[in-house]
């Protein structure tokens, strides 16, 4: 499922990059107006996900700017402006980097990485993390397609079952109508008197009561 893909992605990032103490994945809503937190590490992350935490596209946060520019955005604690805008729930963050998650030309979300080491995520490391973000975007897209396929299969099964039930009902109605028709038909027929013909004498007579 999509949620399993997201959870596994951030868990593997933490395992392979222990210097990153917090990882998050935001996905855009249907209107593309907000980035909604879908997966996050730690108890704080779980709490934020439960609260359906979101960031407006284009606001002054790292995530807001990354969704607006569709470019990698990196902010460090040494930047006074960023210190005033950073998340109070993660006060130990010294560097935060947001990497766009894109499928072709379509932005679907942001991978947000945070570290207590202000010297982390230098220019030489950006391509590595951007490649990681690209792979996550592909995994997300595949998971969505899989879920959509499963939903269509379930819908088709429901339609097949409804069609089968409708056909059975039509068949029952046809049988009922057929029995009713022939019953009414025989009731409406006048009583016919049978004739007996003697082929030897060529005499025709009515049967006796």
Protein backbone atom coordinates (compact mmCIF):
# COMPACT_ATOMS: atom_id res chain seq x y z
CA UNK A 1 0.00 0.00 0.00
CA UNK A 2 1.01 3.62 -0.36
CA UNK A 3 1.33 4.10 3.38
CA UNK A 4 3.61 1.07 3.66
CA UNK A 5 5.82 2.45 0.88
CA UNK A 6 6.11 5.82 2.62
CA UNK A 7 6.88 4.30 6.01
CA UNK A 8 9.49 1.94 4.57
CA UNK A 9 11.14 4.77 2.67
CA UNK A 10 11.77 6.98 5.68
CA UNK A 11 12.84 4.01 7.80
CA UNK A 12 15.45 3.02 5.23
CA UNK A 13 16.70 6.61 4.99
CA UNK A 14 17.23 6.69 8.75
CA UNK A 15 19.01 3.34 8.67
CA UNK A 16 21.36 4.32 5.86
CA UNK A 17 21.89 7.93 6.96
CA UNK A 18 21.98 7.92 10.79
CA UNK A 19 23.22 11.52 10.79
CA UNK A 20 19.70 12.50 9.70
CA UNK A 21 17.67 12.56 12.88
CA UNK A 22 14.33 13.43 11.28
CA UNK A 23 12.81 12.49 7.91
CA UNK A 24 9.43 13.40 6.47
CA UNK A 25 7.43 12.91 3.30
CA UNK A 26 4.77 15.43 2.31
CA UNK A 27 2.32 14.81 -0.53
CA UNK A 28 0.29 17.49 -2.30
CA UNK A 29 -3.47 17.44 -1.88
CA UNK A 30 -5.78 17.09 -4.89
CA UNK A 31 -5.98 20.85 -5.37
CA UNK A 32 -2.22 21.28 -5.14
CA UNK A 33 -2.65 23.97 -2.50
CA UNK A 34 -1.19 22.20 0.52
CA UNK A 35 1.57 19.70 1.25
CA UNK A 36 0.16 17.17 3.72
CA UNK A 37 2.46 15.17 6.00
CA UNK A 38 2.03 11.47 5.24
CA UNK A 39 5.07 9.87 6.88
CA UNK A 40 7.46 11.06 9.56
CA UNK A 41 9.97 9.60 12.01
CA UNK A 42 9.83 9.52 15.80
CA UNK A 43 7.02 10.14 18.25
CA UNK A 44 6.79 13.76 17.19
CA UNK A 45 6.42 12.66 13.59
CA UNK A 46 3.66 10.18 14.47
CA UNK A 47 1.81 12.92 16.35
CA UNK A 48 2.09 15.33 13.42
CA UNK A 49 0.80 12.70 11.00
CA UNK A 50 -2.16 11.97 13.28
CA UNK A 51 -2.95 15.69 13.34
CA UNK A 52 -2.88 15.72 9.54
CA UNK A 53 -0.18 18.39 9.63
CA UNK A 54 0.06 20.39 6.40
CA UNK A 55 2.10 23.22 4.91
CA UNK A 56 0.63 25.69 2.41
CA UNK A 57 2.37 25.67 -0.95
CA UNK A 58 4.57 28.76 -1.24
CA UNK A 59 4.74 29.73 2.42
CA UNK A 60 8.07 30.84 3.89
CA UNK A 61 9.07 27.44 5.31
CA UNK A 62 11.59 25.20 3.58
CA UNK A 63 8.82 22.86 2.49
CA UNK A 64 6.61 25.70 1.30
CA UNK A 65 9.42 27.16 -0.80
CA UNK A 66 10.36 23.76 -2.26
CA UNK A 67 6.78 23.13 -3.38
CA UNK A 68 6.63 26.59 -4.92
CA UNK A 69 9.98 26.57 -6.73
CA UNK A 70 10.12 22.81 -7.39
CA UNK A 71 13.81 23.12 -6.57
CA UNK A 72 15.95 21.81 -3.73
CA UNK A 73 15.75 24.20 -0.78
CA UNK A 74 18.31 24.05 2.05
CA UNK A 75 18.26 26.17 5.18
CA UNK A 76 20.72 26.24 8.09
CA UNK A 77 20.43 27.44 11.65
CA UNK A 78 23.03 30.11 10.88
CA UNK A 79 20.40 31.80 8.73
CA UNK A 80 18.56 34.17 11.07
CA UNK A 81 15.50 34.36 8.83
CA UNK A 82 15.13 30.58 8.79
CA UNK A 83 15.51 30.29 12.57
CA UNK A 84 12.43 32.44 12.95
CA UNK A 85 10.40 30.16 10.66
CA UNK A 86 11.58 26.68 11.59
CA UNK A 87 9.36 24.11 13.29
CA UNK A 88 9.28 24.55 17.06
CA UNK A 89 8.56 20.83 17.44
CA UNK A 90 12.10 20.09 16.16
CA UNK A 91 14.30 22.66 17.90
CA UNK A 92 17.51 20.63 17.51
CA UNK A 93 17.51 20.94 13.74
CA UNK A 94 20.63 22.69 12.43
CA UNK A 95 20.04 22.05 8.76
CA UNK A 96 16.87 21.24 6.83
CA UNK A 97 16.67 20.27 3.18
CA UNK A 98 13.56 19.72 1.07
CA UNK A 99 13.81 17.71 -2.16
CA UNK A 100 10.92 17.80 -4.66
CA UNK A 101 9.19 14.53 -5.47
CA UNK A 102 8.28 14.66 -9.15
CA UNK A 103 6.86 12.31 -11.77
CA UNK A 104 7.81 13.77 -15.12
CA UNK A 105 6.81 17.42 -14.89
CA UNK A 106 4.31 16.80 -12.11
CA UNK A 107 5.17 17.65 -8.51
CA UNK A 108 3.58 15.17 -6.11
CA UNK A 109 5.30 16.09 -2.85
CA UNK A 110 8.51 16.78 -0.95
CA UNK A 111 11.10 14.73 0.90
CA UNK A 112 12.19 16.70 3.98
CA UNK A 113 15.47 15.80 5.72
CA UNK A 114 16.76 17.35 8.94
CA UNK A 115 20.00 16.95 10.86
CA UNK A 116 21.59 18.19 14.06
CA UNK A 117 24.84 18.59 12.11
CA UNK A 118 24.84 21.99 10.43
CA UNK A 119 27.59 20.93 8.03
CA UNK A 120 25.57 18.09 6.58
CA UNK A 121 23.99 18.11 3.11
CA UNK A 122 26.68 19.97 1.24
CA UNK A 123 26.52 20.64 -2.50
CA UNK A 124 28.28 17.38 -3.33
CA UNK A 125 25.60 15.41 -1.44
CA UNK A 126 22.62 17.10 -3.05
CA UNK A 127 22.57 14.88 -6.19
CA UNK A 128 22.61 11.79 -3.97
CA UNK A 129 19.57 12.87 -1.97
CA UNK A 130 17.78 14.16 -5.07
CA UNK A 131 18.28 10.77 -6.72
CA UNK A 132 16.86 9.19 -3.58
CA UNK A 133 13.85 11.51 -3.80
CA UNK A 134 13.32 10.56 -7.45
CA UNK A 135 13.28 6.87 -6.58
CA UNK A 136 10.81 7.50 -3.76
CA UNK A 137 8.57 9.43 -6.17
CA UNK A 138 8.54 6.46 -8.56
CA UNK A 139 7.71 4.09 -5.70
CA UNK A 140 4.85 6.37 -4.61
CA UNK A 141 3.49 6.55 -8.14
CA UNK A 142 3.64 2.75 -8.49
CA UNK A 143 1.88 2.28 -5.15
CA UNK A 144 -0.87 4.68 -6.20
CA UNK A 145 -1.35 2.88 -9.50
CA UNK A 146 -1.48 -0.45 -7.66
CA UNK A 147 -4.12 0.84 -5.26
CA UNK A 148 -6.15 2.27 -8.13
CA UNK A 149 -5.97 -1.07 -9.93
CA UNK A 150 -7.13 -2.89 -6.81
CA UNK A 151 -10.01 -0.44 -6.40
CA UNK A 152 -11.07 -1.01 -10.01
CA UNK A 153 -10.94 -4.78 -9.51
CA UNK A 154 -13.16 -4.51 -6.45
CA UNK A 155 -15.57 -2.22 -8.33
CA UNK A 156 -15.67 -4.63 -11.27
CA UNK A 157 -16.36 -7.55 -8.94
CA UNK A 158 -19.24 -5.61 -7.41
CA UNK A 159 -20.60 -4.83 -10.88
CA UNK A 160 -20.33 -8.49 -11.91
CA UNK A 161 -22.13 -9.57 -8.75
CA UNK A 162 -24.86 -6.97 -9.29
CA UNK A 163 -25.25 -8.09 -12.91
CA UNK A 164 -25.49 -11.73 -11.85
CA UNK A 165 -28.14 -10.95 -9.25
CA UNK A 166 -30.09 -8.85 -11.73
CA UNK A 167 -29.98 -11.68 -14.29
CA UNK A 168 -31.22 -14.17 -11.69
CA UNK A 169 -34.05 -11.84 -10.76
CA UNK A 170 -35.03 -11.38 -14.41
CA UNK A 171 -34.99 -15.15 -14.87
CA UNK A 172 -37.26 -15.65 -11.84
CA UNK A 173 -39.65 -13.00 -13.11
CA UNK A 174 -39.73 -14.61 -16.54
CA UNK A 175 -40.58 -17.98 -15.02
CA UNK A 176 -43.31 -16.45 -12.89
CA UNK A 177 -44.75 -14.54 -15.83
CA UNK A 178 -44.65 -17.64 -18.02
CA UNK A 179 -46.52 -19.74 -15.44
CA UNK A 180 -49.06 -16.97 -14.92
CA UNK A 181 -49.60 -16.53 -18.65
CA UNK A 182 -50.26 -20.20 -19.38
CA UNK A 183 -52.42 -20.57 -16.26
CA UNK A 184 -54.60 -17.66 -17.32
CA UNK A 185 -54.65 -18.91 -20.91
CA UNK A 186 -56.04 -22.34 -19.97
CA UNK A 187 -58.59 -20.80 -17.62
CA UNK A 188 -59.96 -18.60 -20.40
CA UNK A 189 -60.37 -21.44 -22.94
CA UNK A 190 -63.98 -22.78 -23.38
CA UNK A 191 -64.60 -26.44 -22.62
CA UNK A 192 -64.31 -28.33 -25.90
CA UNK A 193 -66.43 -31.45 -26.60
CA UNK A 194 -64.50 -34.33 -28.07
CA UNK A 195 -65.92 -36.28 -31.01
CA UNK A 196 -65.63 -40.00 -31.55
CA UNK A 197 -65.31 -41.23 -35.13
CA UNK A 198 -65.91 -44.84 -36.09
CA UNK A 199 -63.84 -45.38 -39.21
CA UNK A 200 -65.65 -48.62 -40.03
CA UNK A 201 -69.21 -47.38 -39.94
CA UNK A 202 -68.24 -43.80 -40.56
CA UNK A 203 -70.48 -42.76 -37.71
CA UNK A 204 -69.75 -39.72 -35.61
CA UNK A 205 -71.05 -39.59 -32.07
CA UNK A 206 -70.61 -37.46 -28.99
CA UNK A 207 -69.07 -39.17 -26.00
CA UNK A 208 -71.43 -40.24 -23.29
CA UNK A 209 -71.42 -38.31 -20.01
